[in-house]
Amino acid sequence: MKSLGESSLDALIKQNADMLIGCKLFDDGGNYDKNEVEWYREQMTKIDEIIEDCKEERRLVMEQMSENMITLLKDPSAEF
């Protein structure tokens, strides 16, 4: 479960990077202006930061769940 959650979020970050790589400038025969690509880059940076925050939140939740399971294994009557 842990790696699935992380790999899904890592895949989103990679897709963001791939999208930026695919934004070819007019000067290079592409369809994008330099300012437009820079705007996308700024937006993707913000999105990637949100994704990283979510990864950390998930990690903390998984850590807590793991600790709770260990407690329950030792003492099944312990409150979750």
PDB file of N, CA and C in Angstrom:
ATOM      1  N   MET A   1       0.826  -1.185   0.000  1.00  0.00           N
ATOM      2  CA  MET A   1       0.000   0.000   0.000  1.00  0.00           C
ATOM      3  C   MET A   1       0.874   1.254   0.000  1.00  0.00           C
ATOM      4  N   LYS A   2       1.937   1.216   0.772  1.00  0.00           N
ATOM      5  CA  LYS A   2       2.815   2.379   0.867  1.00  0.00           C
ATOM      6  C   LYS A   2       3.441   2.702  -0.487  1.00  0.00           C
ATOM      7  N   SER A   3       4.027   1.707  -1.119  1.00  0.00           N
ATOM      8  CA  SER A   3       4.711   1.977  -2.380  1.00  0.00           C
ATOM      9  C   SER A   3       3.732   2.365  -3.481  1.00  0.00           C
ATOM     10  N   LEU A   4       2.526   1.820  -3.448  1.00  0.00           N
ATOM     11  CA  LEU A   4       1.516   2.182  -4.444  1.00  0.00           C
ATOM     12  C   LEU A   4       1.168   3.654  -4.328  1.00  0.00           C
ATOM     13  N   GLY A   5       0.963   4.126  -3.112  1.00  0.00           N
ATOM     14  CA  GLY A   5       0.641   5.531  -2.903  1.00  0.00           C
ATOM     15  C   GLY A   5       1.773   6.449  -3.321  1.00  0.00           C
ATOM     16  N   GLU A   6       2.989   6.064  -3.007  1.00  0.00           N
ATOM     17  CA  GLU A   6       4.141   6.877  -3.387  1.00  0.00           C
ATOM     18  C   GLU A   6       4.388   6.837  -4.879  1.00  0.00           C
ATOM     19  N   SER A   7       4.282   5.653  -5.471  1.00  0.00           N
ATOM     20  CA  SER A   7       4.572   5.551  -6.901  1.00  0.00           C
ATOM     21  C   SER A   7       3.541   6.299  -7.733  1.00  0.00           C
ATOM     22  N   SER A   8       2.293   6.320  -7.284  1.00  0.00           N
ATOM     23  CA  SER A   8       1.264   7.075  -8.008  1.00  0.00           C
ATOM     24  C   SER A   8       1.571   8.567  -7.979  1.00  0.00           C
ATOM     25  N   LEU A   9       1.982   9.058  -6.831  1.00  0.00           N
ATOM     26  CA  LEU A   9       2.309  10.477  -6.714  1.00  0.00           C
ATOM     27  C   LEU A   9       3.598  10.813  -7.461  1.00  0.00           C
ATOM     28  N   ASP A  10       4.573   9.919  -7.404  1.00  0.00           N
ATOM     29  CA  ASP A  10       5.809  10.128  -8.164  1.00  0.00           C
ATOM     30  C   ASP A  10       5.518  10.151  -9.665  1.00  0.00           C
ATOM     31  N   ALA A  11       4.566   9.318 -10.103  1.00  0.00           N
ATOM     32  CA  ALA A  11       4.190   9.295 -11.513  1.00  0.00           C
ATOM     33  C   ALA A  11       3.580  10.624 -11.938  1.00  0.00           C
ATOM     34  N   LEU A  12       2.805  11.246 -11.067  1.00  0.00           N
ATOM     35  CA  LEU A  12       2.233  12.559 -11.385  1.00  0.00           C
ATOM     36  C   LEU A  12       3.325  13.611 -11.557  1.00  0.00           C
ATOM     37  N   ILE A  13       4.308  13.581 -10.678  1.00  0.00           N
ATOM     38  CA  ILE A  13       5.418  14.535 -10.779  1.00  0.00           C
ATOM     39  C   ILE A  13       6.182  14.313 -12.085  1.00  0.00           C
ATOM     40  N   LYS A  14       6.392  13.051 -12.439  1.00  0.00           N
ATOM     41  CA  LYS A  14       7.087  12.739 -13.689  1.00  0.00           C
ATOM     42  C   LYS A  14       6.266  13.202 -14.889  1.00  0.00           C
ATOM     43  N   GLN A  15       4.961  13.009 -14.843  1.00  0.00           N
ATOM     44  CA  GLN A  15       4.110  13.466 -15.943  1.00  0.00           C
ATOM     45  C   GLN A  15       4.179  14.977 -16.096  1.00  0.00           C
ATOM     46  N   ASN A  16       4.257  15.696 -14.992  1.00  0.00           N
ATOM     47  CA  ASN A  16       4.402  17.147 -15.054  1.00  0.00           C
ATOM     48  C   ASN A  16       5.708  17.522 -15.754  1.00  0.00           C
ATOM     49  N   ALA A  17       6.780  16.859 -15.389  1.00  0.00           N
ATOM     50  CA  ALA A  17       8.081  17.133 -16.008  1.00  0.00           C
ATOM     51  C   ALA A  17       8.052  16.786 -17.496  1.00  0.00           C
ATOM     52  N   ASP A  18       7.446  15.655 -17.824  1.00  0.00           N
ATOM     53  CA  ASP A  18       7.344  15.244 -19.226  1.00  0.00           C
ATOM     54  C   ASP A  18       6.526  16.240 -20.043  1.00  0.00           C
ATOM     55  N   MET A  19       5.482  16.778 -19.434  1.00  0.00           N
ATOM     56  CA  MET A  19       4.659  17.763 -20.127  1.00  0.00           C
ATOM     57  C   MET A  19       5.483  18.992 -20.472  1.00  0.00           C
ATOM     58  N   LEU A  20       6.308  19.438 -19.521  1.00  0.00           N
ATOM     59  CA  LEU A  20       7.147  20.605 -19.765  1.00  0.00           C
ATOM     60  C   LEU A  20       8.195  20.329 -20.850  1.00  0.00           C
ATOM     61  N   ILE A  21       8.732  19.132 -20.844  1.00  0.00           N
ATOM     62  CA  ILE A  21       9.711  18.756 -21.872  1.00  0.00           C
ATOM     63  C   ILE A  21       9.058  18.803 -23.259  1.00  0.00           C
ATOM     64  N   GLY A  22       7.785  18.436 -23.323  1.00  0.00           N
ATOM     65  CA  GLY A  22       7.067  18.410 -24.594  1.00  0.00           C
ATOM     66  C   GLY A  22       6.643  19.779 -25.096  1.00  0.00           C
ATOM     67  N   CYS A  23       6.826  20.817 -24.297  1.00  0.00           N
ATOM     68  CA  CYS A  23       6.440  22.179 -24.701  1.00  0.00           C
ATOM     69  C   CYS A  23       7.573  22.809 -25.495  1.00  0.00           C
ATOM     70  N   LYS A  24       7.580  22.573 -26.782  1.00  0.00           N
ATOM     71  CA  LYS A  24       8.632  23.140 -27.632  1.00  0.00           C
ATOM     72  C   LYS A  24       8.300  24.581 -27.986  1.00  0.00           C
ATOM     73  N   LEU A  25       9.318  25.408 -27.926  1.00  0.00           N
ATOM     74  CA  LEU A  25       9.155  26.824 -28.205  1.00  0.00           C
ATOM     75  C   LEU A  25       8.961  27.085 -29.697  1.00  0.00           C
ATOM     76  N   PHE A  26       8.324  28.216 -29.995  1.00  0.00           N
ATOM     77  CA  PHE A  26       8.150  28.636 -31.388  1.00  0.00           C
ATOM     78  C   PHE A  26       9.492  28.643 -32.116  1.00  0.00           C
ATOM     79  N   ASP A  27      10.524  29.145 -31.423  1.00  0.00           N
ATOM     80  CA  ASP A  27      11.866  29.238 -32.022  1.00  0.00           C
ATOM     81  C   ASP A  27      12.413  27.880 -32.443  1.00  0.00           C
ATOM     82  N   ASP A  28      11.929  26.828 -31.790  1.00  0.00           N
ATOM     83  CA  ASP A  28      12.389  25.470 -32.088  1.00  0.00           C
ATOM     84  C   ASP A  28      11.377  24.698 -32.934  1.00  0.00           C
ATOM     85  N   GLY A  29      10.444  25.423 -33.529  1.00  0.00           N
ATOM     86  CA  GLY A  29       9.437  24.772 -34.371  1.00  0.00           C
ATOM     87  C   GLY A  29       8.240  24.265 -33.592  1.00  0.00           C
ATOM     88  N   GLY A  30       8.124  24.666 -32.343  1.00  0.00           N
ATOM     89  CA  GLY A  30       7.022  24.199 -31.492  1.00  0.00           C
ATOM     90  C   GLY A  30       5.843  25.149 -31.499  1.00  0.00           C
ATOM     91  N   ASN A  31       4.976  24.961 -30.535  1.00  0.00           N
ATOM     92  CA  ASN A  31       3.727  25.717 -30.442  1.00  0.00           C
ATOM     93  C   ASN A  31       3.626  26.596 -29.207  1.00  0.00           C
ATOM     94  N   TYR A  32       4.748  26.832 -28.525  1.00  0.00           N
ATOM     95  CA  TYR A  32       4.692  27.551 -27.253  1.00  0.00           C
ATOM     96  C   TYR A  32       5.634  28.747 -27.234  1.00  0.00           C
ATOM     97  N   ASP A  33       5.190  29.802 -26.585  1.00  0.00           N
ATOM     98  CA  ASP A  33       5.998  30.983 -26.339  1.00  0.00           C
ATOM     99  C   ASP A  33       6.809  30.759 -25.061  1.00  0.00           C
ATOM    100  N   LYS A  34       7.963  31.389 -24.973  1.00  0.00           N
ATOM    101  CA  LYS A  34       8.834  31.223 -23.801  1.00  0.00           C
ATOM    102  C   LYS A  34       8.105  31.608 -22.509  1.00  0.00           C
ATOM    103  N   ASN A  35       7.363  32.724 -22.523  1.00  0.00           N
ATOM    104  CA  ASN A  35       6.637  33.149 -21.328  1.00  0.00           C
ATOM    105  C   ASN A  35       5.551  32.144 -20.936  1.00  0.00           C
ATOM    106  N   GLU A  36       4.926  31.559 -21.927  1.00  0.00           N
ATOM    107  CA  GLU A  36       3.884  30.559 -21.668  1.00  0.00           C
ATOM    108  C   GLU A  36       4.485  29.333 -20.973  1.00  0.00           C
ATOM    109  N   VAL A  37       5.608  28.870 -21.469  1.00  0.00           N
ATOM    110  CA  VAL A  37       6.269  27.700 -20.867  1.00  0.00           C
ATOM    111  C   VAL A  37       6.722  28.022 -19.452  1.00  0.00           C
ATOM    112  N   GLU A  38       7.223  29.221 -19.244  1.00  0.00           N
ATOM    113  CA  GLU A  38       7.648  29.618 -17.904  1.00  0.00           C
ATOM    114  C   GLU A  38       6.458  29.640 -16.945  1.00  0.00           C
ATOM    115  N   TRP A  39       5.308  30.100 -17.417  1.00  0.00           N
ATOM    116  CA  TRP A  39       4.093  30.096 -16.593  1.00  0.00           C
ATOM    117  C   TRP A  39       3.710  28.667 -16.232  1.00  0.00           C
ATOM    118  N   TYR A  40       3.749  27.771 -17.226  1.00  0.00           N
ATOM    119  CA  TYR A  40       3.456  26.358 -16.954  1.00  0.00           C
ATOM    120  C   TYR A  40       4.440  25.793 -15.931  1.00  0.00           C
ATOM    121  N   ARG A  41       5.713  26.154 -16.087  1.00  0.00           N
ATOM    122  CA  ARG A  41       6.742  25.647 -15.160  1.00  0.00           C
ATOM    123  C   ARG A  41       6.450  26.100 -13.726  1.00  0.00           C
ATOM    124  N   GLU A  42       6.068  27.351 -13.559  1.00  0.00           N
ATOM    125  CA  GLU A  42       5.723  27.857 -12.229  1.00  0.00           C
ATOM    126  C   GLU A  42       4.520  27.112 -11.657  1.00  0.00           C
ATOM    127  N   GLN A  43       3.524  26.872 -12.491  1.00  0.00           N
ATOM    128  CA  GLN A  43       2.334  26.150 -12.035  1.00  0.00           C
ATOM    129  C   GLN A  43       2.684  24.715 -11.646  1.00  0.00           C
ATOM    130  N   MET A  44       3.505  24.064 -12.454  1.00  0.00           N
ATOM    131  CA  MET A  44       3.901  22.682 -12.176  1.00  0.00           C
ATOM    132  C   MET A  44       4.727  22.600 -10.894  1.00  0.00           C
ATOM    133  N   THR A  45       5.544  23.618 -10.646  1.00  0.00           N
ATOM    134  CA  THR A  45       6.327  23.642  -9.407  1.00  0.00           C
ATOM    135  C   THR A  45       5.401  23.677  -8.201  1.00  0.00           C
ATOM    136  N   LYS A  46       4.379  24.527  -8.274  1.00  0.00           N
ATOM    137  CA  LYS A  46       3.407  24.602  -7.178  1.00  0.00           C
ATOM    138  C   LYS A  46       2.678  23.276  -7.005  1.00  0.00           C
ATOM    139  N   ILE A  47       2.266  22.685  -8.111  1.00  0.00           N
ATOM    140  CA  ILE A  47       1.560  21.397  -8.051  1.00  0.00           C
ATOM    141  C   ILE A  47       2.464  20.317  -7.478  1.00  0.00           C
ATOM    142  N   ASP A  48       3.716  20.290  -7.921  1.00  0.00           N
ATOM    143  CA  ASP A  48       4.661  19.288  -7.413  1.00  0.00           C
ATOM    144  C   ASP A  48       4.878  19.448  -5.910  1.00  0.00           C
ATOM    145  N   GLU A  49       4.899  20.692  -5.425  1.00  0.00           N
ATOM    146  CA  GLU A  49       5.036  20.922  -3.987  1.00  0.00           C
ATOM    147  C   GLU A  49       3.824  20.377  -3.228  1.00  0.00           C
ATOM    148  N   ILE A  50       2.641  20.564  -3.782  1.00  0.00           N
ATOM    149  CA  ILE A  50       1.429  20.025  -3.157  1.00  0.00           C
ATOM    150  C   ILE A  50       1.497  18.501  -3.119  1.00  0.00           C
ATOM    151  N   ILE A  51       1.954  17.907  -4.211  1.00  0.00           N
ATOM    152  CA  ILE A  51       2.076  16.447  -4.270  1.00  0.00           C
ATOM    153  C   ILE A  51       3.072  15.957  -3.224  1.00  0.00           C
ATOM    154  N   GLU A  52       4.200  16.642  -3.093  1.00  0.00           N
ATOM    155  CA  GLU A  52       5.196  16.249  -2.084  1.00  0.00           C
ATOM    156  C   GLU A  52       4.615  16.361  -0.675  1.00  0.00           C
ATOM    157  N   ASP A  53       3.834  17.406  -0.425  1.00  0.00           N
ATOM    158  CA  ASP A  53       3.178  17.543   0.877  1.00  0.00           C
ATOM    159  C   ASP A  53       2.230  16.372   1.129  1.00  0.00           C
ATOM    160  N   CYS A  54       1.497  15.976   0.101  1.00  0.00           N
ATOM    161  CA  CYS A  54       0.579  14.837   0.233  1.00  0.00           C
ATOM    162  C   CYS A  54       1.345  13.547   0.516  1.00  0.00           C
ATOM    163  N   LYS A  55       2.496  13.396  -0.133  1.00  0.00           N
ATOM    164  CA  LYS A  55       3.314  12.209   0.125  1.00  0.00           C
ATOM    165  C   LYS A  55       3.723  12.145   1.591  1.00  0.00           C
ATOM    166  N   GLU A  56       4.113  13.285   2.145  1.00  0.00           N
ATOM    167  CA  GLU A  56       4.528  13.329   3.540  1.00  0.00           C
ATOM    168  C   GLU A  56       3.350  13.031   4.465  1.00  0.00           C
ATOM    169  N   GLU A  57       2.193  13.591   4.154  1.00  0.00           N
ATOM    170  CA  GLU A  57       1.003  13.319   4.960  1.00  0.00           C
ATOM    171  C   GLU A  57       0.651  11.834   4.921  1.00  0.00           C
ATOM    172  N   ARG A  58       0.706  11.236   3.741  1.00  0.00           N
ATOM    173  CA  ARG A  58       0.431   9.800   3.618  1.00  0.00           C
ATOM    174  C   ARG A  58       1.431   8.982   4.418  1.00  0.00           C
ATOM    175  N   ARG A  59       2.710   9.394   4.356  1.00  0.00           N
ATOM    176  CA  ARG A  59       3.744   8.658   5.087  1.00  0.00           C
ATOM    177  C   ARG A  59       3.454   8.685   6.583  1.00  0.00           C
ATOM    178  N   LEU A  60       3.058   9.841   7.094  1.00  0.00           N
ATOM    179  CA  LEU A  60       2.746   9.960   8.517  1.00  0.00           C
ATOM    180  C   LEU A  60       1.533   9.116   8.899  1.00  0.00           C
ATOM    181  N   VAL A  61       0.512   9.109   8.059  1.00  0.00           N
ATOM    182  CA  VAL A  61      -0.679   8.292   8.331  1.00  0.00           C
ATOM    183  C   VAL A  61      -0.311   6.814   8.321  1.00  0.00           C
ATOM    184  N   MET A  62       0.482   6.395   7.343  1.00  0.00           N
ATOM    185  CA  MET A  62       0.888   4.991   7.260  1.00  0.00           C
ATOM    186  C   MET A  62       1.730   4.596   8.475  1.00  0.00           C
ATOM    187  N   GLU A  63       2.587   5.496   8.911  1.00  0.00           N
ATOM    188  CA  GLU A  63       3.408   5.239  10.092  1.00  0.00           C
ATOM    189  C   GLU A  63       2.523   5.048  11.321  1.00  0.00           C
ATOM    190  N   GLN A  64       1.532   5.909  11.493  1.00  0.00           N
ATOM    191  CA  GLN A  64       0.611   5.802  12.620  1.00  0.00           C
ATOM    192  C   GLN A  64      -0.194   4.514  12.552  1.00  0.00           C
ATOM    193  N   MET A  65      -0.658   4.154  11.364  1.00  0.00           N
ATOM    194  CA  MET A  65      -1.427   2.918  11.209  1.00  0.00           C
ATOM    195  C   MET A  65      -0.569   1.708  11.552  1.00  0.00           C
ATOM    196  N   SER A  66       0.677   1.751  11.133  1.00  0.00           N
ATOM    197  CA  SER A  66       1.588   0.648  11.433  1.00  0.00           C
ATOM    198  C   SER A  66       1.799   0.520  12.938  1.00  0.00           C
ATOM    199  N   GLU A  67       1.991   1.636  13.597  1.00  0.00           N
ATOM    200  CA  GLU A  67       2.150   1.612  15.057  1.00  0.00           C
ATOM    201  C   GLU A  67       0.890   1.077  15.733  1.00  0.00           C
ATOM    202  N   ASN A  68      -0.268   1.476  15.240  1.00  0.00           N
ATOM    203  CA  ASN A  68      -1.530   0.988  15.804  1.00  0.00           C
ATOM    204  C   ASN A  68      -1.669  -0.519  15.624  1.00  0.00           C
ATOM    205  N   MET A  69      -1.265  -1.019  14.461  1.00  0.00           N
ATOM    206  CA  MET A  69      -1.362  -2.464  14.215  1.00  0.00           C
ATOM    207  C   MET A  69      -0.430  -3.231  15.146  1.00  0.00           C
ATOM    208  N   ILE A  70       0.761  -2.703  15.365  1.00  0.00           N
ATOM    209  CA  ILE A  70       1.707  -3.363  16.276  1.00  0.00           C
ATOM    210  C   ILE A  70       1.116  -3.415  17.682  1.00  0.00           C
ATOM    211  N   THR A  71       0.512  -2.313  18.094  1.00  0.00           N
ATOM    212  CA  THR A  71      -0.122  -2.271  19.422  1.00  0.00           C
ATOM    213  C   THR A  71      -1.233  -3.305  19.515  1.00  0.00           C
ATOM    214  N   LEU A  72      -2.047  -3.400  18.473  1.00  0.00           N
ATOM    215  CA  LEU A  72      -3.149  -4.366  18.493  1.00  0.00           C
ATOM    216  C   LEU A  72      -2.655  -5.807  18.478  1.00  0.00           C
ATOM    217  N   LEU A  73      -1.530  -6.041  17.810  1.00  0.00           N
ATOM    218  CA  LEU A  73      -0.971  -7.392  17.802  1.00  0.00           C
ATOM    219  C   LEU A  73      -0.520  -7.791  19.206  1.00  0.00           C
ATOM    220  N   LYS A  74       0.039  -6.843  19.936  1.00  0.00           N
ATOM    221  CA  LYS A  74       0.505  -7.099  21.295  1.00  0.00           C
ATOM    222  C   LYS A  74      -0.665  -7.206  22.255  1.00  0.00           C
ATOM    223  N   ASP A  75      -1.663  -6.339  22.078  1.00  0.00           N
ATOM    224  CA  ASP A  75      -2.802  -6.288  22.971  1.00  0.00           C
ATOM    225  C   ASP A  75      -4.067  -6.032  22.151  1.00  0.00           C
ATOM    226  N   PRO A  76      -4.759  -7.110  21.736  1.00  0.00           N
ATOM    227  CA  PRO A  76      -5.945  -6.959  20.892  1.00  0.00           C
ATOM    228  C   PRO A  76      -7.057  -6.114  21.518  1.00  0.00           C
ATOM    229  N   SER A  77      -7.031  -5.938  22.812  1.00  0.00           N
ATOM    230  CA  SER A  77      -8.093  -5.134  23.442  1.00  0.00           C
ATOM    231  C   SER A  77      -7.746  -3.653  23.481  1.00  0.00           C
ATOM    232  N   ALA A  78      -6.550  -3.287  23.029  1.00  0.00           N
ATOM    233  CA  ALA A  78      -6.137  -1.876  23.014  1.00  0.00           C
ATOM    234  C   ALA A  78      -7.015  -1.101  22.034  1.00  0.00           C
ATOM    235  N   GLU A  79      -7.319   0.119  22.396  1.00  0.00           N
ATOM    236  CA  GLU A  79      -8.126   0.961  21.517  1.00  0.00           C
ATOM    237  C   GLU A  79      -7.294   1.391  20.326  1.00  0.00           C
ATOM    238  N   PHE A  80      -7.910   1.416  19.185  1.00  0.00           N
ATOM    239  CA  PHE A  80      -7.247   1.755  17.937  1.00  0.00           C
ATOM    240  C   PHE A  80      -7.033   3.220  17.832  1.00  0.00           C
TER     241      PHE A  80
END
